[in-house]
């Protein structure tokens, strides 16, 4: 035990604590506290606010603990994390709770665990290890096929739940990570040339009335986005229409948190469960343009700080961790806000650190802990 303690102390002494990214911590905490207040205003049930506060406290503790665990040490258990990820995703199939036609959650009594949220962090950590190990072989056929297979397994399990939005998001994250790993531009261009006609054919098949590619609710959401004359379409786009109305009514400074305005979209219960995926609509209505701009700015700053840490990472593995986490923040933010402002069809993704959801919140804090750890091991030359 004494020997282990000496090794731990020796490792901590090697960390460059003067490079602890305090800015990143401040941005995360500011956004989390803002999100907590908006959640409290979005619903009359205090349980949501209490659970989110609990998640923030546990998340901060986890973030700081992970920040002190060398990510190179975690790489030694990369395959164990990969196996744990698959076990949790498989457990959803047998132990998961079904809600609104999807089976994505495991009831832990204290809160509902959503393994697909944790999968994002496991995937980032595993492929940071994988690409770092095979960095000199990244453009070989064998390495690329192995990487795609290892990624496809958890992807298919998530897609089967079904969870199309998370599947799309992690595909985009994987693309950014493999690009950061040094993928050849020849392979990138070749893939684009092949994928364009494939995508056109896929879209054509999906738009057929009797298509079997998407679930009915997924197909109807796409139809509801562009076919405004269809009664079913109007019903599907109801939530997005009201979200746009809420944001527009907020003006510059908004109507204020916990307001009792009679013309409030939130107070009229026109947005079902606004504390989750449509929290940005509440930000727009109650905090106005100033609030929405602040949220977007904070999320952009968090993503930027992840990239900044990645640029100064000591190796490729650390850089990919940072790119992966920056991608998660940026992609989820873009998709969530695009849905709420009705720029794309309705799909369920949380707004990082703002939406209610303990699995999402805890996984994001864990990922930020990894980024902080990379920052503590900054390149000596810089």
Protein backbone atom coordinates (compact mmCIF):
# COMPACT_ATOMS: atom_id res chain seq x y z
CA UNK A 1 0.00 0.00 0.00
CA UNK A 2 2.83 2.36 0.92
CA UNK A 3 4.53 1.61 -2.41
CA UNK A 4 1.33 2.35 -4.30
CA UNK A 5 0.95 5.65 -2.44
CA UNK A 6 4.53 6.64 -3.34
CA UNK A 7 3.87 5.87 -7.00
CA UNK A 8 0.68 7.94 -6.91
CA UNK A 9 2.43 10.90 -5.28
CA UNK A 10 5.29 10.65 -7.79
CA UNK A 11 2.79 10.69 -10.66
CA UNK A 12 0.92 13.69 -9.27
CA UNK A 13 4.19 15.58 -8.97
CA UNK A 14 4.72 15.15 -12.71
CA UNK A 15 1.45 16.92 -13.48
CA UNK A 16 1.76 20.56 -14.52
CA UNK A 17 -0.91 22.01 -12.25
CA UNK A 18 -0.10 25.49 -13.50
CA UNK A 19 -1.70 24.30 -16.76
CA UNK A 20 -4.96 23.25 -15.11
CA UNK A 21 -7.59 24.67 -17.45
CA UNK A 22 -9.48 26.86 -15.00
CA UNK A 23 -11.27 28.59 -17.88
CA UNK A 24 -12.82 25.30 -18.97
CA UNK A 25 -14.01 24.58 -15.42
CA UNK A 26 -15.52 28.07 -15.12
CA UNK A 27 -17.35 27.74 -18.45
CA UNK A 28 -18.72 24.31 -17.50
CA UNK A 29 -19.89 25.41 -14.05
CA UNK A 30 -21.45 28.64 -15.36
CA UNK A 31 -23.40 26.73 -18.01
CA UNK A 32 -24.44 23.99 -15.55
CA UNK A 33 -25.75 26.51 -13.02
CA UNK A 34 -27.59 28.39 -15.77
CA UNK A 35 -29.11 25.10 -16.92
CA UNK A 36 -30.16 24.24 -13.37
CA UNK A 37 -32.05 27.52 -13.02
CA UNK A 38 -33.77 27.13 -16.39
CA UNK A 39 -34.81 23.55 -15.52
CA UNK A 40 -36.26 24.81 -12.24
CA UNK A 41 -38.26 27.38 -14.19
CA UNK A 42 -39.33 24.97 -16.93
CA UNK A 43 -41.29 22.63 -14.67
CA UNK A 44 -43.32 22.82 -11.46
CA UNK A 45 -41.85 19.53 -10.20
CA UNK A 46 -38.93 20.24 -7.86
CA UNK A 47 -37.63 16.68 -8.31
CA UNK A 48 -36.10 17.60 -11.67
CA UNK A 49 -34.16 20.47 -10.16
CA UNK A 50 -33.03 18.36 -7.19
CA UNK A 51 -31.86 15.49 -9.39
CA UNK A 52 -30.02 17.85 -11.72
CA UNK A 53 -28.26 19.47 -8.74
CA UNK A 54 -27.32 16.00 -7.50
CA UNK A 55 -25.97 15.20 -10.96
CA UNK A 56 -23.89 18.39 -11.03
CA UNK A 57 -22.35 17.65 -7.61
CA UNK A 58 -21.53 14.03 -8.49
CA UNK A 59 -20.38 15.11 -11.94
CA UNK A 60 -17.94 17.71 -10.59
CA UNK A 61 -16.49 15.17 -8.16
CA UNK A 62 -16.11 12.62 -10.98
CA UNK A 63 -14.56 15.25 -13.27
CA UNK A 64 -11.92 16.25 -10.71
CA UNK A 65 -11.12 12.63 -9.82
CA UNK A 66 -10.71 11.62 -13.47
CA UNK A 67 -8.59 14.73 -14.06
CA UNK A 68 -6.04 13.21 -11.64
CA UNK A 69 -6.00 9.78 -13.31
CA UNK A 70 -3.42 9.59 -16.09
CA UNK A 71 -5.24 8.83 -19.32
CA UNK A 72 -2.29 6.62 -20.34
CA UNK A 73 -3.14 4.47 -17.31
CA UNK A 74 -6.77 4.29 -18.48
CA UNK A 75 -5.53 3.18 -21.92
CA UNK A 76 -4.32 -0.05 -20.25
CA UNK A 77 -7.97 -0.89 -19.59
CA UNK A 78 -9.25 0.22 -23.01
CA UNK A 79 -10.47 -3.24 -23.97
CA UNK A 80 -12.15 -3.62 -20.57
CA UNK A 81 -13.99 -0.32 -21.17
CA UNK A 82 -14.94 -1.58 -24.62
CA UNK A 83 -16.37 -4.77 -23.10
CA UNK A 84 -18.19 -2.81 -20.36
CA UNK A 85 -19.72 -0.58 -23.00
CA UNK A 86 -21.08 -3.58 -24.91
CA UNK A 87 -22.36 -5.21 -21.70
CA UNK A 88 -24.30 -2.08 -20.73
CA UNK A 89 -25.76 -1.70 -24.23
CA UNK A 90 -26.78 -5.36 -24.26
CA UNK A 91 -28.25 -5.03 -20.76
CA UNK A 92 -30.70 -2.46 -22.13
CA UNK A 93 -32.17 -5.18 -24.34
CA UNK A 94 -32.95 -7.44 -21.38
CA UNK A 95 -33.28 -5.07 -18.41
CA UNK A 96 -34.20 -1.81 -20.09
CA UNK A 97 -37.32 0.24 -19.46
CA UNK A 98 -39.42 1.01 -22.53
CA UNK A 99 -40.72 4.53 -22.96
CA UNK A 100 -42.52 5.97 -26.00
CA UNK A 101 -41.55 3.02 -28.19
CA UNK A 102 -37.84 3.09 -27.31
CA UNK A 103 -35.90 0.87 -24.93
CA UNK A 104 -32.90 2.97 -23.86
CA UNK A 105 -32.91 3.16 -20.07
CA UNK A 106 -32.03 0.88 -17.13
CA UNK A 107 -33.89 1.74 -13.93
CA UNK A 108 -31.39 2.00 -11.05
CA UNK A 109 -34.08 3.27 -8.66
CA UNK A 110 -32.03 6.38 -7.82
CA UNK A 111 -32.07 7.43 -11.48
CA UNK A 112 -32.47 5.90 -14.94
CA UNK A 113 -29.18 5.02 -16.58
CA UNK A 114 -28.97 5.57 -20.33
CA UNK A 115 -26.00 3.45 -21.54
CA UNK A 116 -25.92 5.16 -24.94
CA UNK A 117 -24.81 8.37 -23.19
CA UNK A 118 -21.93 6.60 -21.44
CA UNK A 119 -21.13 4.88 -24.75
CA UNK A 120 -20.02 8.23 -26.18
CA UNK A 121 -17.28 8.52 -23.55
CA UNK A 122 -16.26 4.87 -23.81
CA UNK A 123 -15.99 5.21 -27.59
CA UNK A 124 -13.86 8.36 -27.32
CA UNK A 125 -11.54 6.75 -24.75
CA UNK A 126 -11.22 3.45 -26.61
CA UNK A 127 -10.49 4.96 -30.02
CA UNK A 128 -8.05 7.45 -28.50
CA UNK A 129 -6.15 4.36 -27.32
CA UNK A 130 -6.67 2.48 -30.60
CA UNK A 131 -5.57 5.27 -32.93
CA UNK A 132 -2.65 6.13 -30.68
CA UNK A 133 -1.48 2.51 -30.77
CA UNK A 134 -1.86 2.15 -34.55
CA UNK A 135 -0.96 5.73 -35.52
CA UNK A 136 1.65 4.52 -38.00
CA UNK A 137 -0.84 2.12 -39.63
CA UNK A 138 -3.95 4.28 -39.66
CA UNK A 139 -4.14 4.34 -43.47
CA UNK A 140 -3.77 0.59 -43.94
CA UNK A 141 -6.76 -1.50 -45.00
CA UNK A 142 -6.46 -3.87 -42.02
CA UNK A 143 -6.44 -1.07 -39.41
CA UNK A 144 -9.34 0.81 -40.99
CA UNK A 145 -11.51 -2.30 -41.29
CA UNK A 146 -10.76 -3.27 -37.68
CA UNK A 147 -11.61 0.25 -36.48
CA UNK A 148 -14.89 0.28 -38.42
CA UNK A 149 -15.90 -3.15 -37.08
CA UNK A 150 -15.10 -2.17 -33.48
CA UNK A 151 -17.13 1.01 -33.93
CA UNK A 152 -20.02 -0.66 -35.77
CA UNK A 153 -20.79 -3.11 -32.93
CA UNK A 154 -21.84 -0.52 -30.30
CA UNK A 155 -23.34 1.64 -33.06
CA UNK A 156 -25.71 -1.14 -34.14
CA UNK A 157 -26.70 -1.83 -30.52
CA UNK A 158 -27.60 1.84 -30.05
CA UNK A 159 -29.41 1.97 -33.38
CA UNK A 160 -31.43 -1.10 -32.37
CA UNK A 161 -32.86 0.55 -29.22
CA UNK A 162 -33.86 2.51 -31.43
CA UNK A 163 -31.84 5.70 -30.95
CA UNK A 164 -31.20 7.21 -34.37
CA UNK A 165 -30.16 10.66 -33.11
CA UNK A 166 -27.40 9.31 -30.84
CA UNK A 167 -26.28 6.95 -33.63
CA UNK A 168 -25.90 9.86 -36.03
CA UNK A 169 -24.07 11.93 -33.40
CA UNK A 170 -21.49 9.25 -32.53
CA UNK A 171 -20.92 8.54 -36.23
CA UNK A 172 -19.99 12.20 -36.69
CA UNK A 173 -17.77 12.08 -33.59
CA UNK A 174 -16.00 9.00 -34.95
CA UNK A 175 -15.41 10.78 -38.27
CA UNK A 176 -13.76 13.73 -36.51
CA UNK A 177 -11.60 11.42 -34.40
CA UNK A 178 -10.36 9.31 -37.30
CA UNK A 179 -9.60 12.51 -39.23
CA UNK A 180 -7.57 13.81 -36.27
CA UNK A 181 -5.75 10.47 -36.18
CA UNK A 182 -4.23 11.28 -39.57
CA UNK A 183 -6.53 9.68 -42.11
CA UNK A 184 -5.24 10.18 -45.67
CA UNK A 185 -7.01 12.78 -47.80
CA UNK A 186 -7.08 10.25 -50.64
CA UNK A 187 -9.18 7.92 -48.47
CA UNK A 188 -11.40 10.82 -47.36
CA UNK A 189 -12.07 11.96 -50.94
CA UNK A 190 -12.64 8.39 -52.10
CA UNK A 191 -15.15 7.83 -49.31
CA UNK A 192 -17.02 11.03 -50.17
CA UNK A 193 -17.23 10.04 -53.84
CA UNK A 194 -18.68 6.65 -52.88
CA UNK A 195 -21.02 7.94 -50.15
CA UNK A 196 -22.76 10.67 -52.18
CA UNK A 197 -24.63 8.28 -54.53
CA UNK A 198 -25.21 5.86 -51.64
CA UNK A 199 -26.78 8.67 -49.61
CA UNK A 200 -29.00 9.73 -52.54
CA UNK A 201 -30.27 6.17 -53.01
CA UNK A 202 -30.80 5.77 -49.26
CA UNK A 203 -32.85 8.98 -49.02
CA UNK A 204 -34.92 7.89 -52.02
CA UNK A 205 -35.67 4.51 -50.40
CA UNK A 206 -36.52 6.10 -47.05
CA UNK A 207 -39.04 8.44 -48.65
CA UNK A 208 -41.05 5.55 -50.10
CA UNK A 209 -44.41 4.96 -48.32
CA UNK A 210 -43.71 1.31 -47.45
CA UNK A 211 -40.04 1.69 -46.54
CA UNK A 212 -38.57 -0.70 -43.97
CA UNK A 213 -35.37 1.19 -43.16
CA UNK A 214 -36.64 3.53 -40.45
CA UNK A 215 -39.08 3.00 -37.60
CA UNK A 216 -42.55 4.48 -38.20
CA UNK A 217 -42.03 7.31 -35.71
CA UNK A 218 -38.70 8.22 -37.34
CA UNK A 219 -40.28 8.24 -40.80
CA UNK A 220 -43.21 10.34 -39.60
CA UNK A 221 -40.87 12.93 -38.08
CA UNK A 222 -39.22 13.43 -41.45
CA UNK A 223 -42.61 13.67 -43.17
CA UNK A 224 -43.79 16.08 -40.46
CA UNK A 225 -40.86 18.37 -41.16
CA UNK A 226 -41.65 19.19 -44.77
CA UNK A 227 -45.30 18.16 -45.40
CA UNK A 228 -47.23 20.89 -43.61
CA UNK A 229 -50.50 20.09 -45.39
CA UNK A 230 -50.66 16.62 -43.87
CA UNK A 231 -52.67 16.34 -40.64
CA UNK A 232 -50.22 13.81 -39.22
CA UNK A 233 -47.39 16.14 -40.13
CA UNK A 234 -48.99 19.01 -38.22
CA UNK A 235 -49.30 16.83 -35.14
CA UNK A 236 -45.65 15.79 -35.34
CA UNK A 237 -44.31 19.33 -35.87
CA UNK A 238 -46.47 20.73 -33.03
CA UNK A 239 -43.61 20.76 -30.52
CA UNK A 240 -41.15 22.44 -32.88
CA UNK A 241 -43.66 25.08 -33.96
CA UNK A 242 -44.32 26.06 -30.35
CA UNK A 243 -40.61 26.07 -29.57
CA UNK A 244 -39.99 28.58 -32.37
CA UNK A 245 -42.90 30.65 -31.08
CA UNK A 246 -41.45 30.60 -27.56
CA UNK A 247 -37.99 31.72 -28.69
CA UNK A 248 -39.44 34.50 -30.84
CA UNK A 249 -41.63 35.79 -28.01
CA UNK A 250 -38.65 36.19 -25.70
CA UNK A 251 -37.33 39.27 -27.44
CA UNK A 252 -33.99 40.68 -26.33
CA UNK A 253 -34.09 40.02 -22.58
CA UNK A 254 -36.91 37.49 -22.24
CA UNK A 255 -39.90 37.31 -19.91
CA UNK A 256 -37.83 36.30 -16.89
CA UNK A 257 -37.37 32.99 -15.13
CA UNK A 258 -40.40 31.63 -13.25
CA UNK A 259 -42.65 34.27 -14.83
CA UNK A 260 -46.44 34.02 -14.65
CA UNK A 261 -47.08 35.63 -18.03
CA UNK A 262 -50.42 34.56 -19.51
CA UNK A 263 -49.04 34.50 -23.05
CA UNK A 264 -46.12 32.27 -22.13
CA UNK A 265 -45.74 29.14 -24.27
CA UNK A 266 -44.24 27.35 -21.29
CA UNK A 267 -47.02 28.36 -18.91
CA UNK A 268 -49.54 27.15 -21.46
CA UNK A 269 -47.91 23.69 -21.42
CA UNK A 270 -47.51 23.85 -25.19
CA UNK A 271 -44.10 22.13 -25.11
CA UNK A 272 -44.25 18.65 -23.53
CA UNK A 273 -41.39 17.99 -21.05
CA UNK A 274 -39.51 21.19 -21.89
CA UNK A 275 -36.78 20.46 -19.32
CA UNK A 276 -35.18 17.85 -21.60
CA UNK A 277 -34.49 18.18 -25.33
CA UNK A 278 -36.42 21.46 -25.77
CA UNK A 279 -34.80 23.38 -22.90
CA UNK A 280 -33.36 25.87 -25.40
CA UNK A 281 -36.92 27.06 -26.12
CA UNK A 282 -37.33 27.93 -22.43
CA UNK A 283 -34.00 29.76 -22.47
CA UNK A 284 -35.23 31.78 -25.47
CA UNK A 285 -38.60 32.64 -23.99
CA UNK A 286 -37.47 33.49 -20.46
CA UNK A 287 -33.96 34.86 -21.03
CA UNK A 288 -34.41 36.17 -24.57
CA UNK A 289 -31.74 36.64 -27.19
CA UNK A 290 -29.22 37.50 -24.45
CA UNK A 291 -29.81 34.13 -22.81
CA UNK A 292 -29.66 32.05 -25.98
CA UNK A 293 -26.54 33.88 -27.16
CA UNK A 294 -24.90 33.29 -23.77
CA UNK A 295 -25.66 29.55 -23.90
CA UNK A 296 -24.30 29.23 -27.43
CA UNK A 297 -21.20 31.26 -26.52
CA UNK A 298 -20.47 29.14 -23.43
CA UNK A 299 -20.86 25.90 -25.41
CA UNK A 300 -18.59 27.27 -28.14
CA UNK A 301 -15.99 28.26 -25.54
CA UNK A 302 -16.09 24.77 -23.98
CA UNK A 303 -15.55 23.17 -27.39
CA UNK A 304 -12.76 25.66 -28.16
CA UNK A 305 -11.00 24.93 -24.86
CA UNK A 306 -11.12 21.20 -25.64
CA UNK A 307 -9.46 21.88 -29.00
CA UNK A 308 -6.91 24.19 -27.34
CA UNK A 309 -5.95 21.47 -24.85
CA UNK A 310 -5.78 18.97 -27.72
CA UNK A 311 -3.36 21.16 -29.68
CA UNK A 312 -1.00 21.11 -26.69
CA UNK A 313 -1.54 17.41 -25.88
CA UNK A 314 1.62 15.33 -25.32
CA UNK A 315 0.62 12.67 -27.85
CA UNK A 316 -1.97 11.58 -30.40
CA UNK A 317 -4.06 9.75 -27.80
CA UNK A 318 -4.53 12.92 -25.75
CA UNK A 319 -5.31 14.94 -28.86
CA UNK A 320 -8.03 12.50 -29.96
CA UNK A 321 -9.63 12.56 -26.50
CA UNK A 322 -9.92 16.34 -26.79
CA UNK A 323 -11.16 16.23 -30.39
CA UNK A 324 -13.73 13.60 -29.42
CA UNK A 325 -15.10 15.65 -26.52
CA UNK A 326 -15.11 18.88 -28.55
CA UNK A 327 -17.03 17.02 -31.26
CA UNK A 328 -19.62 15.72 -28.79
CA UNK A 329 -20.24 19.24 -27.46
CA UNK A 330 -20.35 20.86 -30.90
CA UNK A 331 -22.45 18.19 -32.65
CA UNK A 332 -25.03 17.84 -29.88
CA UNK A 333 -25.33 21.60 -29.61
CA UNK A 334 -25.82 22.00 -33.36
CA UNK A 335 -28.41 19.19 -33.61
CA UNK A 336 -30.33 20.23 -30.49
CA UNK A 337 -30.60 23.91 -31.41
CA UNK A 338 -31.36 23.07 -35.05
CA UNK A 339 -34.28 20.90 -33.91
CA UNK A 340 -35.64 23.50 -31.48
CA UNK A 341 -35.45 26.23 -34.12
CA UNK A 342 -36.99 23.86 -36.70
CA UNK A 343 -34.02 23.79 -39.04
CA UNK A 344 -33.98 19.97 -39.14
CA UNK A 345 -36.53 17.22 -38.32
CA UNK A 346 -37.33 16.57 -34.67
CA UNK A 347 -34.89 14.21 -32.98
CA UNK A 348 -33.97 13.71 -29.35
CA UNK A 349 -30.55 14.94 -28.22
CA UNK A 350 -29.82 16.85 -25.04
CA UNK A 351 -28.24 20.30 -24.98
CA UNK A 352 -24.91 19.71 -23.17
CA UNK A 353 -24.87 20.78 -19.49
CA UNK A 354 -28.24 22.54 -19.91
CA UNK A 355 -30.87 19.85 -20.53
CA UNK A 356 -32.17 17.68 -17.72
CA UNK A 357 -30.73 14.16 -17.84
CA UNK A 358 -28.35 12.58 -15.34
CA UNK A 359 -26.76 10.08 -17.72
CA UNK A 360 -25.93 12.82 -20.21
CA UNK A 361 -24.71 15.18 -17.50
CA UNK A 362 -22.48 12.63 -15.76
CA UNK A 363 -20.96 11.36 -19.01
CA UNK A 364 -20.12 14.93 -20.08
CA UNK A 365 -18.45 15.71 -16.76
CA UNK A 366 -16.45 12.48 -17.03
CA UNK A 367 -15.34 13.41 -20.54
CA UNK A 368 -14.31 16.87 -19.38
CA UNK A 369 -12.24 15.21 -16.64
CA UNK A 370 -10.30 13.40 -19.36
CA UNK A 371 -9.70 16.69 -21.17
CA UNK A 372 -8.45 18.32 -17.96
CA UNK A 373 -6.06 15.40 -17.43
CA UNK A 374 -4.65 15.81 -20.94
CA UNK A 375 -4.10 19.48 -20.12
CA UNK A 376 -2.13 18.60 -17.00
CA UNK A 377 0.34 16.71 -19.18
CA UNK A 378 0.99 19.50 -21.64
CA UNK A 379 3.89 19.27 -24.10
CA UNK A 380 7.13 20.12 -22.34
CA UNK A 381 8.28 22.25 -25.26
CA UNK A 382 5.41 24.67 -24.88
